[in-house]
Amino acid sequence: MTEQVTIDDFLKLDIRVGRIVKAEEFPEARRPAYKLQVDFGGEIGVKKSSAQITVLYKPEELVGRLVMAVVNFPPRQIGPVMSEILVLGFSDKDGHISLAAPDHEVPIGGRLH
């Protein structure tokens, strides 16, 4: 278990739901990854990221899919890509990432409560 945090710590994270609008191979990445563009709607818009999800997903399966992401981290350079968000997921028993997403259709840009 990690250090306990307060509700105020949690509220500092802006976790939103977005829809993947573009997913493509990222051959320059050190570990296999995709370059993603995720639409969070009017207030936030489309943001770029990379994700090491190549084992469980194909790029064409990702487009249109809802995902959850932290949208208020500072941008981070990942090779030639400036990652603007952190797409969230969980490791399976083999360490492969499974994306975190709502299990029903919800409006993009919605904040995690």
PDB file of N, CA and C in Angstrom:
ATOM      1  N   MET A   1       0.838  -1.178   0.000  1.00  0.00           N
ATOM      2  CA  MET A   1       0.000   0.000   0.000  1.00  0.00           C
ATOM      3  C   MET A   1       0.887   1.247   0.000  1.00  0.00           C
ATOM      4  N   THR A   2       0.404   2.298  -0.628  1.00  0.00           N
ATOM      5  CA  THR A   2       1.171   3.542  -0.694  1.00  0.00           C
ATOM      6  C   THR A   2       0.737   4.497   0.412  1.00  0.00           C
ATOM      7  N   GLU A   3       1.392   5.612   0.457  1.00  0.00           N
ATOM      8  CA  GLU A   3       1.097   6.645   1.450  1.00  0.00           C
ATOM      9  C   GLU A   3      -0.362   7.085   1.347  1.00  0.00           C
ATOM     10  N   GLN A   4      -1.004   7.310   2.479  1.00  0.00           N
ATOM     11  CA  GLN A   4      -2.371   7.815   2.469  1.00  0.00           C
ATOM     12  C   GLN A   4      -2.386   9.269   2.036  1.00  0.00           C
ATOM     13  N   VAL A   5      -3.464   9.647   1.346  1.00  0.00           N
ATOM     14  CA  VAL A   5      -3.643  11.025   0.888  1.00  0.00           C
ATOM     15  C   VAL A   5      -4.989  11.525   1.384  1.00  0.00           C
ATOM     16  N   THR A   6      -5.174  12.818   1.288  1.00  0.00           N
ATOM     17  CA  THR A   6      -6.442  13.414   1.700  1.00  0.00           C
ATOM     18  C   THR A   6      -7.335  13.618   0.479  1.00  0.00           C
ATOM     19  N   ILE A   7      -8.584  13.916   0.722  1.00  0.00           N
ATOM     20  CA  ILE A   7      -9.506  14.223  -0.372  1.00  0.00           C
ATOM     21  C   ILE A   7      -9.008  15.447  -1.134  1.00  0.00           C
ATOM     22  N   ASP A   8      -8.358  16.367  -0.458  1.00  0.00           N
ATOM     23  CA  ASP A   8      -7.803  17.547  -1.134  1.00  0.00           C
ATOM     24  C   ASP A   8      -6.717  17.148  -2.128  1.00  0.00           C
ATOM     25  N   ASP A   9      -5.901  16.139  -1.766  1.00  0.00           N
ATOM     26  CA  ASP A   9      -4.893  15.633  -2.701  1.00  0.00           C
ATOM     27  C   ASP A   9      -5.573  15.061  -3.940  1.00  0.00           C
ATOM     28  N   PHE A  10      -6.599  14.253  -3.734  1.00  0.00           N
ATOM     29  CA  PHE A  10      -7.323  13.641  -4.848  1.00  0.00           C
ATOM     30  C   PHE A  10      -7.940  14.706  -5.753  1.00  0.00           C
ATOM     31  N   LEU A  11      -8.523  15.731  -5.159  1.00  0.00           N
ATOM     32  CA  LEU A  11      -9.204  16.770  -5.939  1.00  0.00           C
ATOM     33  C   LEU A  11      -8.242  17.593  -6.791  1.00  0.00           C
ATOM     34  N   LYS A  12      -6.952  17.538  -6.501  1.00  0.00           N
ATOM     35  CA  LYS A  12      -5.973  18.235  -7.331  1.00  0.00           C
ATOM     36  C   LYS A  12      -5.823  17.573  -8.698  1.00  0.00           C
ATOM     37  N   LEU A  13      -6.119  16.263  -8.772  1.00  0.00           N
ATOM     38  CA  LEU A  13      -6.039  15.547 -10.046  1.00  0.00           C
ATOM     39  C   LEU A  13      -7.291  15.814 -10.859  1.00  0.00           C
ATOM     40  N   ASP A  14      -7.106  16.203 -12.100  1.00  0.00           N
ATOM     41  CA  ASP A  14      -8.233  16.416 -13.011  1.00  0.00           C
ATOM     42  C   ASP A  14      -8.273  15.216 -13.956  1.00  0.00           C
ATOM     43  N   ILE A  15      -9.103  14.242 -13.610  1.00  0.00           N
ATOM     44  CA  ILE A  15      -9.232  13.014 -14.396  1.00  0.00           C
ATOM     45  C   ILE A  15     -10.516  13.121 -15.203  1.00  0.00           C
ATOM     46  N   ARG A  16     -10.367  13.057 -16.520  1.00  0.00           N
ATOM     47  CA  ARG A  16     -11.503  13.233 -17.426  1.00  0.00           C
ATOM     48  C   ARG A  16     -11.647  12.038 -18.355  1.00  0.00           C
ATOM     49  N   VAL A  17     -12.836  11.907 -18.927  1.00  0.00           N
ATOM     50  CA  VAL A  17     -13.082  10.887 -19.939  1.00  0.00           C
ATOM     51  C   VAL A  17     -12.951  11.547 -21.310  1.00  0.00           C
ATOM     52  N   GLY A  18     -12.270  10.858 -22.201  1.00  0.00           N
ATOM     53  CA  GLY A  18     -12.111  11.351 -23.567  1.00  0.00           C
ATOM     54  C   GLY A  18     -12.296  10.214 -24.556  1.00  0.00           C
ATOM     55  N   ARG A  19     -12.402  10.578 -25.825  1.00  0.00           N
ATOM     56  CA  ARG A  19     -12.562   9.592 -26.890  1.00  0.00           C
ATOM     57  C   ARG A  19     -11.321   9.621 -27.776  1.00  0.00           C
ATOM     58  N   ILE A  20     -10.718   8.453 -27.991  1.00  0.00           N
ATOM     59  CA  ILE A  20      -9.550   8.375 -28.869  1.00  0.00           C
ATOM     60  C   ILE A  20      -9.989   8.665 -30.298  1.00  0.00           C
ATOM     61  N   VAL A  21      -9.372   9.673 -30.913  1.00  0.00           N
ATOM     62  CA  VAL A  21      -9.715  10.037 -32.292  1.00  0.00           C
ATOM     63  C   VAL A  21      -8.622   9.634 -33.277  1.00  0.00           C
ATOM     64  N   LYS A  22      -7.427   9.329 -32.758  1.00  0.00           N
ATOM     65  CA  LYS A  22      -6.342   8.885 -33.629  1.00  0.00           C
ATOM     66  C   LYS A  22      -5.396   8.012 -32.814  1.00  0.00           C
ATOM     67  N   ALA A  23      -4.978   6.896 -33.406  1.00  0.00           N
ATOM     68  CA  ALA A  23      -4.005   6.002 -32.780  1.00  0.00           C
ATOM     69  C   ALA A  23      -3.090   5.486 -33.872  1.00  0.00           C
ATOM     70  N   GLU A  24      -1.786   5.611 -33.656  1.00  0.00           N
ATOM     71  CA  GLU A  24      -0.831   5.161 -34.665  1.00  0.00           C
ATOM     72  C   GLU A  24       0.414   4.592 -34.008  1.00  0.00           C
ATOM     73  N   GLU A  25       1.137   3.796 -34.764  1.00  0.00           N
ATOM     74  CA  GLU A  25       2.379   3.197 -34.290  1.00  0.00           C
ATOM     75  C   GLU A  25       3.350   4.307 -33.855  1.00  0.00           C
ATOM     76  N   PHE A  26       4.203   3.984 -32.913  1.00  0.00           N
ATOM     77  CA  PHE A  26       5.203   4.911 -32.395  1.00  0.00           C
ATOM     78  C   PHE A  26       6.559   4.208 -32.434  1.00  0.00           C
ATOM     79  N   PRO A  27       7.119   4.030 -33.647  1.00  0.00           N
ATOM     80  CA  PRO A  27       8.347   3.240 -33.791  1.00  0.00           C
ATOM     81  C   PRO A  27       9.563   3.841 -33.081  1.00  0.00           C
ATOM     82  N   GLU A  28       9.557   5.133 -32.804  1.00  0.00           N
ATOM     83  CA  GLU A  28      10.703   5.776 -32.136  1.00  0.00           C
ATOM     84  C   GLU A  28      10.725   5.508 -30.631  1.00  0.00           C
ATOM     85  N   ALA A  29       9.656   4.992 -30.071  1.00  0.00           N
ATOM     86  CA  ALA A  29       9.574   4.758 -28.623  1.00  0.00           C
ATOM     87  C   ALA A  29      10.566   3.675 -28.203  1.00  0.00           C
ATOM     88  N   ARG A  30      11.121   3.808 -27.002  1.00  0.00           N
ATOM     89  CA  ARG A  30      12.051   2.810 -26.472  1.00  0.00           C
ATOM     90  C   ARG A  30      11.362   1.469 -26.245  1.00  0.00           C
ATOM     91  N   ARG A  31      10.139   1.525 -25.736  1.00  0.00           N
ATOM     92  CA  ARG A  31       9.326   0.316 -25.553  1.00  0.00           C
ATOM     93  C   ARG A  31       8.112   0.446 -26.454  1.00  0.00           C
ATOM     94  N   PRO A  32       7.597  -0.661 -26.970  1.00  0.00           N
ATOM     95  CA  PRO A  32       6.470  -0.579 -27.911  1.00  0.00           C
ATOM     96  C   PRO A  32       5.321   0.274 -27.362  1.00  0.00           C
ATOM     97  N   ALA A  33       4.869   1.220 -28.186  1.00  0.00           N
ATOM     98  CA  ALA A  33       3.825   2.151 -27.762  1.00  0.00           C
ATOM     99  C   ALA A  33       3.077   2.669 -28.985  1.00  0.00           C
ATOM    100  N   TYR A  34       1.950   3.305 -28.713  1.00  0.00           N
ATOM    101  CA  TYR A  34       1.184   4.008 -29.743  1.00  0.00           C
ATOM    102  C   TYR A  34       1.172   5.494 -29.414  1.00  0.00           C
ATOM    103  N   LYS A  35       1.084   6.317 -30.450  1.00  0.00           N
ATOM    104  CA  LYS A  35       0.811   7.744 -30.301  1.00  0.00           C
ATOM    105  C   LYS A  35      -0.706   7.879 -30.359  1.00  0.00           C
ATOM    106  N   LEU A  36      -1.275   8.585 -29.384  1.00  0.00           N
ATOM    107  CA  LEU A  36      -2.720   8.758 -29.316  1.00  0.00           C
ATOM    108  C   LEU A  36      -3.089  10.232 -29.361  1.00  0.00           C
ATOM    109  N   GLN A  37      -4.255  10.501 -29.943  1.00  0.00           N
ATOM    110  CA  GLN A  37      -4.900  11.799 -29.812  1.00  0.00           C
ATOM    111  C   GLN A  37      -6.268  11.530 -29.206  1.00  0.00           C
ATOM    112  N   VAL A  38      -6.559  12.237 -28.101  1.00  0.00           N
ATOM    113  CA  VAL A  38      -7.782  11.995 -27.344  1.00  0.00           C
ATOM    114  C   VAL A  38      -8.575  13.292 -27.264  1.00  0.00           C
ATOM    115  N   ASP A  39      -9.854  13.226 -27.643  1.00  0.00           N
ATOM    116  CA  ASP A  39     -10.743  14.390 -27.618  1.00  0.00           C
ATOM    117  C   ASP A  39     -11.495  14.429 -26.299  1.00  0.00           C
ATOM    118  N   PHE A  40     -11.357  15.558 -25.583  1.00  0.00           N
ATOM    119  CA  PHE A  40     -12.039  15.764 -24.313  1.00  0.00           C
ATOM    120  C   PHE A  40     -13.153  16.807 -24.424  1.00  0.00           C
ATOM    121  N   GLY A  41     -13.498  17.214 -25.631  1.00  0.00           N
ATOM    122  CA  GLY A  41     -14.572  18.178 -25.807  1.00  0.00           C
ATOM    123  C   GLY A  41     -14.090  19.612 -25.763  1.00  0.00           C
ATOM    124  N   GLY A  42     -15.058  20.523 -25.806  1.00  0.00           N
ATOM    125  CA  GLY A  42     -14.797  21.944 -25.984  1.00  0.00           C
ATOM    126  C   GLY A  42     -13.836  22.589 -25.017  1.00  0.00           C
ATOM    127  N   GLU A  43     -13.983  22.365 -23.731  1.00  0.00           N
ATOM    128  CA  GLU A  43     -13.159  23.056 -22.731  1.00  0.00           C
ATOM    129  C   GLU A  43     -11.686  22.665 -22.831  1.00  0.00           C
ATOM    130  N   ILE A  44     -11.416  21.388 -23.076  1.00  0.00           N
ATOM    131  CA  ILE A  44     -10.041  20.881 -23.079  1.00  0.00           C
ATOM    132  C   ILE A  44      -9.532  20.627 -24.494  1.00  0.00           C
ATOM    133  N   GLY A  45     -10.397  20.121 -25.361  1.00  0.00           N
ATOM    134  CA  GLY A  45     -10.025  19.858 -26.745  1.00  0.00           C
ATOM    135  C   GLY A  45      -9.295  18.539 -26.917  1.00  0.00           C
ATOM    136  N   VAL A  46      -8.547  18.430 -28.017  1.00  0.00           N
ATOM    137  CA  VAL A  46      -7.801  17.212 -28.351  1.00  0.00           C
ATOM    138  C   VAL A  46      -6.395  17.324 -27.782  1.00  0.00           C
ATOM    139  N   LYS A  47      -5.974  16.273 -27.067  1.00  0.00           N
ATOM    140  CA  LYS A  47      -4.653  16.231 -26.447  1.00  0.00           C
ATOM    141  C   LYS A  47      -3.897  15.005 -26.935  1.00  0.00           C
ATOM    142  N   LYS A  48      -2.559  15.114 -26.951  1.00  0.00           N
ATOM    143  CA  LYS A  48      -1.690  14.025 -27.418  1.00  0.00           C
ATOM    144  C   LYS A  48      -1.071  13.282 -26.245  1.00  0.00           C
ATOM    145  N   SER A  49      -0.809  11.994 -26.485  1.00  0.00           N
ATOM    146  CA  SER A  49      -0.130  11.176 -25.496  1.00  0.00           C
ATOM    147  C   SER A  49       0.490   9.983 -26.193  1.00  0.00           C
ATOM    148  N   SER A  50       1.260   9.227 -25.438  1.00  0.00           N
ATOM    149  CA  SER A  50       1.724   7.920 -25.916  1.00  0.00           C
ATOM    150  C   SER A  50       1.306   6.911 -24.859  1.00  0.00           C
ATOM    151  N   ALA A  51       1.120   5.674 -25.295  1.00  0.00           N
ATOM    152  CA  ALA A  51       0.681   4.639 -24.365  1.00  0.00           C
ATOM    153  C   ALA A  51       1.295   3.304 -24.746  1.00  0.00           C
ATOM    154  N   GLN A  52       1.814   2.614 -23.753  1.00  0.00           N
ATOM    155  CA  GLN A  52       2.423   1.294 -23.963  1.00  0.00           C
ATOM    156  C   GLN A  52       1.336   0.229 -23.835  1.00  0.00           C
ATOM    157  N   ILE A  53       0.482   0.161 -24.866  1.00  0.00           N
ATOM    158  CA  ILE A  53      -0.689  -0.725 -24.846  1.00  0.00           C
ATOM    159  C   ILE A  53      -0.733  -1.617 -26.083  1.00  0.00           C
ATOM    160  N   THR A  54       0.431  -1.855 -26.686  1.00  0.00           N
ATOM    161  CA  THR A  54       0.470  -2.549 -27.977  1.00  0.00           C
ATOM    162  C   THR A  54       0.144  -4.038 -27.889  1.00  0.00           C
ATOM    163  N   VAL A  55       0.281  -4.647 -26.726  1.00  0.00           N
ATOM    164  CA  VAL A  55       0.016  -6.086 -26.612  1.00  0.00           C
ATOM    165  C   VAL A  55      -1.488  -6.380 -26.653  1.00  0.00           C
ATOM    166  N   LEU A  56      -2.276  -5.565 -25.961  1.00  0.00           N
ATOM    167  CA  LEU A  56      -3.708  -5.845 -25.841  1.00  0.00           C
ATOM    168  C   LEU A  56      -4.584  -5.120 -26.863  1.00  0.00           C
ATOM    169  N   TYR A  57      -4.026  -4.141 -27.581  1.00  0.00           N
ATOM    170  CA  TYR A  57      -4.832  -3.324 -28.493  1.00  0.00           C
ATOM    171  C   TYR A  57      -4.137  -3.139 -29.839  1.00  0.00           C
ATOM    172  N   LYS A  58      -4.932  -2.981 -30.880  1.00  0.00           N
ATOM    173  CA  LYS A  58      -4.474  -2.596 -32.217  1.00  0.00           C
ATOM    174  C   LYS A  58      -4.935  -1.152 -32.433  1.00  0.00           C
ATOM    175  N   PRO A  59      -4.178  -0.350 -33.202  1.00  0.00           N
ATOM    176  CA  PRO A  59      -4.562   1.053 -33.397  1.00  0.00           C
ATOM    177  C   PRO A  59      -6.000   1.220 -33.894  1.00  0.00           C
ATOM    178  N   GLU A  60      -6.400   0.394 -34.847  1.00  0.00           N
ATOM    179  CA  GLU A  60      -7.749   0.544 -35.410  1.00  0.00           C
ATOM    180  C   GLU A  60      -8.847   0.201 -34.398  1.00  0.00           C
ATOM    181  N   GLU A  61      -8.539  -0.583 -33.372  1.00  0.00           N
ATOM    182  CA  GLU A  61      -9.514  -0.910 -32.324  1.00  0.00           C
ATOM    183  C   GLU A  61      -9.656   0.226 -31.314  1.00  0.00           C
ATOM    184  N   LEU A  62      -8.659   1.094 -31.254  1.00  0.00           N
ATOM    185  CA  LEU A  62      -8.659   2.158 -30.256  1.00  0.00           C
ATOM    186  C   LEU A  62      -9.487   3.369 -30.665  1.00  0.00           C
ATOM    187  N   VAL A  63      -9.538   3.656 -31.948  1.00  0.00           N
ATOM    188  CA  VAL A  63     -10.260   4.843 -32.419  1.00  0.00           C
ATOM    189  C   VAL A  63     -11.740   4.702 -32.071  1.00  0.00           C
ATOM    190  N   GLY A  64     -12.270   5.729 -31.408  1.00  0.00           N
ATOM    191  CA  GLY A  64     -13.662   5.732 -30.981  1.00  0.00           C
ATOM    192  C   GLY A  64     -13.873   5.256 -29.555  1.00  0.00           C
ATOM    193  N   ARG A  65     -12.848   4.721 -28.957  1.00  0.00           N
ATOM    194  CA  ARG A  65     -12.937   4.162 -27.611  1.00  0.00           C
ATOM    195  C   ARG A  65     -12.837   5.258 -26.551  1.00  0.00           C
ATOM    196  N   LEU A  66     -13.631   5.143 -25.479  1.00  0.00           N
ATOM    197  CA  LEU A  66     -13.525   6.050 -24.346  1.00  0.00           C
ATOM    198  C   LEU A  66     -12.367   5.626 -23.460  1.00  0.00           C
ATOM    199  N   VAL A  67     -11.630   6.607 -22.927  1.00  0.00           N
ATOM    200  CA  VAL A  67     -10.539   6.351 -21.989  1.00  0.00           C
ATOM    201  C   VAL A  67     -10.572   7.409 -20.894  1.00  0.00           C
ATOM    202  N   MET A  68      -9.904   7.100 -19.794  1.00  0.00           N
ATOM    203  CA  MET A  68      -9.745   8.062 -18.711  1.00  0.00           C
ATOM    204  C   MET A  68      -8.306   8.546 -18.706  1.00  0.00           C
ATOM    205  N   ALA A  69      -8.132   9.834 -18.395  1.00  0.00           N
ATOM    206  CA  ALA A  69      -6.784  10.389 -18.395  1.00  0.00           C
ATOM    207  C   ALA A  69      -6.678  11.546 -17.410  1.00  0.00           C
ATOM    208  N   VAL A  70      -5.479  11.715 -16.864  1.00  0.00           N
ATOM    209  CA  VAL A  70      -5.167  12.901 -16.067  1.00  0.00           C
ATOM    210  C   VAL A  70      -4.825  13.995 -17.067  1.00  0.00           C
ATOM    211  N   VAL A  71      -5.552  15.115 -16.989  1.00  0.00           N
ATOM    212  CA  VAL A  71      -5.355  16.178 -17.986  1.00  0.00           C
ATOM    213  C   VAL A  71      -4.630  17.400 -17.429  1.00  0.00           C
ATOM    214  N   ASN A  72      -4.247  17.381 -16.137  1.00  0.00           N
ATOM    215  CA  ASN A  72      -3.598  18.569 -15.579  1.00  0.00           C
ATOM    216  C   ASN A  72      -2.166  18.335 -15.107  1.00  0.00           C
ATOM    217  N   PHE A  73      -1.501  17.306 -15.649  1.00  0.00           N
ATOM    218  CA  PHE A  73      -0.058  17.182 -15.452  1.00  0.00           C
ATOM    219  C   PHE A  73       0.631  18.098 -16.462  1.00  0.00           C
ATOM    220  N   PRO A  74       1.827  18.593 -16.158  1.00  0.00           N
ATOM    221  CA  PRO A  74       2.546  19.382 -17.161  1.00  0.00           C
ATOM    222  C   PRO A  74       2.936  18.495 -18.347  1.00  0.00           C
ATOM    223  N   PRO A  75       3.042  19.066 -19.539  1.00  0.00           N
ATOM    224  CA  PRO A  75       3.470  18.281 -20.707  1.00  0.00           C
ATOM    225  C   PRO A  75       4.834  17.640 -20.454  1.00  0.00           C
ATOM    226  N   ARG A  76       5.028  16.458 -21.067  1.00  0.00           N
ATOM    227  CA  ARG A  76       6.278  15.712 -20.881  1.00  0.00           C
ATOM    228  C   ARG A  76       6.745  15.201 -22.234  1.00  0.00           C
ATOM    229  N   GLN A  77       8.016  15.421 -22.531  1.00  0.00           N
ATOM    230  CA  GLN A  77       8.586  14.976 -23.794  1.00  0.00           C
ATOM    231  C   GLN A  77       8.843  13.476 -23.744  1.00  0.00           C
ATOM    232  N   ILE A  78       8.239  12.712 -24.656  1.00  0.00           N
ATOM    233  CA  ILE A  78       8.449  11.267 -24.789  1.00  0.00           C
ATOM    234  C   ILE A  78       9.007  11.058 -26.196  1.00  0.00           C
ATOM    235  N   GLY A  79      10.332  11.006 -26.314  1.00  0.00           N
ATOM    236  CA  GLY A  79      10.936  10.941 -27.646  1.00  0.00           C
ATOM    237  C   GLY A  79      10.510  12.163 -28.438  1.00  0.00           C
ATOM    238  N   PRO A  80      10.017  11.972 -29.673  1.00  0.00           N
ATOM    239  CA  PRO A  80       9.593  13.109 -30.481  1.00  0.00           C
ATOM    240  C   PRO A  80       8.170  13.594 -30.170  1.00  0.00           C
ATOM    241  N   VAL A  81       7.493  12.967 -29.211  1.00  0.00           N
ATOM    242  CA  VAL A  81       6.102  13.322 -28.893  1.00  0.00           C
ATOM    243  C   VAL A  81       6.045  14.101 -27.586  1.00  0.00           C
ATOM    244  N   MET A  82       5.311  15.215 -27.600  1.00  0.00           N
ATOM    245  CA  MET A  82       5.048  15.959 -26.373  1.00  0.00           C
ATOM    246  C   MET A  82       3.748  15.408 -25.796  1.00  0.00           C
ATOM    247  N   SER A  83       3.860  14.638 -24.718  1.00  0.00           N
ATOM    248  CA  SER A  83       2.689  14.033 -24.091  1.00  0.00           C
ATOM    249  C   SER A  83       2.008  15.071 -23.215  1.00  0.00           C
ATOM    250  N   GLU A  84       0.725  15.308 -23.480  1.00  0.00           N
ATOM    251  CA  GLU A  84      -0.020  16.345 -22.769  1.00  0.00           C
ATOM    252  C   GLU A  84      -0.941  15.779 -21.688  1.00  0.00           C
ATOM    253  N   ILE A  85      -1.161  14.478 -21.695  1.00  0.00           N
ATOM    254  CA  ILE A  85      -2.057  13.824 -20.743  1.00  0.00           C
ATOM    255  C   ILE A  85      -1.449  12.482 -20.333  1.00  0.00           C
ATOM    256  N   LEU A  86      -1.970  11.916 -19.251  1.00  0.00           N
ATOM    257  CA  LEU A  86      -1.584  10.571 -18.839  1.00  0.00           C
ATOM    258  C   LEU A  86      -2.819   9.683 -18.954  1.00  0.00           C
ATOM    259  N   VAL A  87      -2.839   8.821 -19.965  1.00  0.00           N
ATOM    260  CA  VAL A  87      -3.929   7.878 -20.152  1.00  0.00           C
ATOM    261  C   VAL A  87      -3.783   6.801 -19.080  1.00  0.00           C
ATOM    262  N   LEU A  88      -4.885   6.449 -18.429  1.00  0.00           N
ATOM    263  CA  LEU A  88      -4.842   5.547 -17.283  1.00  0.00           C
ATOM    264  C   LEU A  88      -5.176   4.111 -17.653  1.00  0.00           C
ATOM    265  N   GLY A  89      -4.573   3.186 -16.947  1.00  0.00           N
ATOM    266  CA  GLY A  89      -4.835   1.773 -17.166  1.00  0.00           C
ATOM    267  C   GLY A  89      -4.325   0.947 -16.004  1.00  0.00           C
ATOM    268  N   PHE A  90      -4.598  -0.348 -16.089  1.00  0.00           N
ATOM    269  CA  PHE A  90      -4.197  -1.297 -15.059  1.00  0.00           C
ATOM    270  C   PHE A  90      -3.364  -2.400 -15.687  1.00  0.00           C
ATOM    271  N   SER A  91      -2.375  -2.903 -14.952  1.00  0.00           N
ATOM    272  CA  SER A  91      -1.571  -4.031 -15.435  1.00  0.00           C
ATOM    273  C   SER A  91      -2.323  -5.333 -15.211  1.00  0.00           C
ATOM    274  N   ASP A  92      -2.313  -6.197 -16.234  1.00  0.00           N
ATOM    275  CA  ASP A  92      -2.874  -7.532 -16.045  1.00  0.00           C
ATOM    276  C   ASP A  92      -1.814  -8.421 -15.387  1.00  0.00           C
ATOM    277  N   LYS A  93      -2.078  -9.707 -15.240  1.00  0.00           N
ATOM    278  CA  LYS A  93      -1.156 -10.603 -14.530  1.00  0.00           C
ATOM    279  C   LYS A  93       0.207 -10.701 -15.213  1.00  0.00           C
ATOM    280  N   ASP A  94       0.272 -10.376 -16.517  1.00  0.00           N
ATOM    281  CA  ASP A  94       1.531 -10.422 -17.261  1.00  0.00           C
ATOM    282  C   ASP A  94       2.192  -9.057 -17.408  1.00  0.00           C
ATOM    283  N   GLY A  95       1.595  -8.030 -16.799  1.00  0.00           N
ATOM    284  CA  GLY A  95       2.160  -6.694 -16.864  1.00  0.00           C
ATOM    285  C   GLY A  95       1.723  -5.864 -18.064  1.00  0.00           C
ATOM    286  N   HIS A  96       0.786  -6.379 -18.862  1.00  0.00           N
ATOM    287  CA  HIS A  96       0.285  -5.638 -20.016  1.00  0.00           C
ATOM    288  C   HIS A  96      -0.825  -4.691 -19.561  1.00  0.00           C
ATOM    289  N   ILE A  97      -0.848  -3.497 -20.149  1.00  0.00           N
ATOM    290  CA  ILE A  97      -1.776  -2.467 -19.700  1.00  0.00           C
ATOM    291  C   ILE A  97      -3.142  -2.612 -20.359  1.00  0.00           C
ATOM    292  N   SER A  98      -4.167  -2.628 -19.500  1.00  0.00           N
ATOM    293  CA  SER A  98      -5.564  -2.610 -19.919  1.00  0.00           C
ATOM    294  C   SER A  98      -6.111  -1.224 -19.585  1.00  0.00           C
ATOM    295  N   LEU A  99      -6.690  -0.543 -20.574  1.00  0.00           N
ATOM    296  CA  LEU A  99      -7.143   0.833 -20.392  1.00  0.00           C
ATOM    297  C   LEU A  99      -8.276   0.952 -19.370  1.00  0.00           C
ATOM    298  N   ALA A 100      -8.239   2.028 -18.589  1.00  0.00           N
ATOM    299  CA  ALA A 100      -9.323   2.354 -17.664  1.00  0.00           C
ATOM    300  C   ALA A 100     -10.346   3.187 -18.421  1.00  0.00           C
ATOM    301  N   ALA A 101     -11.613   2.783 -18.330  1.00  0.00           N
ATOM    302  CA  ALA A 101     -12.665   3.481 -19.065  1.00  0.00           C
ATOM    303  C   ALA A 101     -14.005   3.247 -18.393  1.00  0.00           C
ATOM    304  N   PRO A 102     -14.964   4.161 -18.566  1.00  0.00           N
ATOM    305  CA  PRO A 102     -16.304   3.906 -18.036  1.00  0.00           C
ATOM    306  C   PRO A 102     -16.931   2.720 -18.767  1.00  0.00           C
ATOM    307  N   ASP A 103     -17.802   2.004 -18.077  1.00  0.00           N
ATOM    308  CA  ASP A 103     -18.419   0.843 -18.720  1.00  0.00           C
ATOM    309  C   ASP A 103     -19.743   1.166 -19.409  1.00  0.00           C
ATOM    310  N   HIS A 104     -20.108   2.452 -19.417  1.00  0.00           N
ATOM    311  CA  HIS A 104     -21.266   2.929 -20.167  1.00  0.00           C
ATOM    312  C   HIS A 104     -20.862   4.191 -20.925  1.00  0.00           C
ATOM    313  N   GLU A 105     -21.595   4.519 -21.942  1.00  0.00           N
ATOM    314  CA  GLU A 105     -21.333   5.754 -22.704  1.00  0.00           C
ATOM    315  C   GLU A 105     -21.602   6.960 -21.797  1.00  0.00           C
ATOM    316  N   VAL A 106     -20.649   7.860 -21.716  1.00  0.00           N
ATOM    317  CA  VAL A 106     -20.788   9.116 -20.953  1.00  0.00           C
ATOM    318  C   VAL A 106     -20.265  10.242 -21.833  1.00  0.00           C
ATOM    319  N   PRO A 107     -20.698  11.480 -21.578  1.00  0.00           N
ATOM    320  CA  PRO A 107     -20.216  12.604 -22.389  1.00  0.00           C
ATOM    321  C   PRO A 107     -18.710  12.811 -22.224  1.00  0.00           C
ATOM    322  N   ILE A 108     -18.008  13.056 -23.331  1.00  0.00           N
ATOM    323  CA  ILE A 108     -16.581  13.320 -23.244  1.00  0.00           C
ATOM    324  C   ILE A 108     -16.345  14.615 -22.478  1.00  0.00           C
ATOM    325  N   GLY A 109     -15.229  14.650 -21.790  1.00  0.00           N
ATOM    326  CA  GLY A 109     -14.882  15.808 -20.971  1.00  0.00           C
ATOM    327  C   GLY A 109     -15.370  15.703 -19.541  1.00  0.00           C
ATOM    328  N   GLY A 110     -16.204  14.688 -19.255  1.00  0.00           N
ATOM    329  CA  GLY A 110     -16.717  14.519 -17.893  1.00  0.00           C
ATOM    330  C   GLY A 110     -15.601  14.211 -16.915  1.00  0.00           C
ATOM    331  N   ARG A 111     -15.725  14.764 -15.730  1.00  0.00           N
ATOM    332  CA  ARG A 111     -14.695  14.607 -14.685  1.00  0.00           C
ATOM    333  C   ARG A 111     -15.017  13.420 -13.790  1.00  0.00           C
ATOM    334  N   LEU A 112     -13.963  12.696 -13.377  1.00  0.00           N
ATOM    335  CA  LEU A 112     -14.106  11.592 -12.434  1.00  0.00           C
ATOM    336  C   LEU A 112     -14.483  12.157 -11.076  1.00  0.00           C
ATOM    337  N   HIS A 113     -15.447  11.537 -10.421  1.00  0.00           N
ATOM    338  CA  HIS A 113     -15.888  11.944  -9.074  1.00  0.00           C
ATOM    339  C   HIS A 113     -15.420  10.925  -8.071  1.00  0.00           C
TER     340      HIS A 113
END
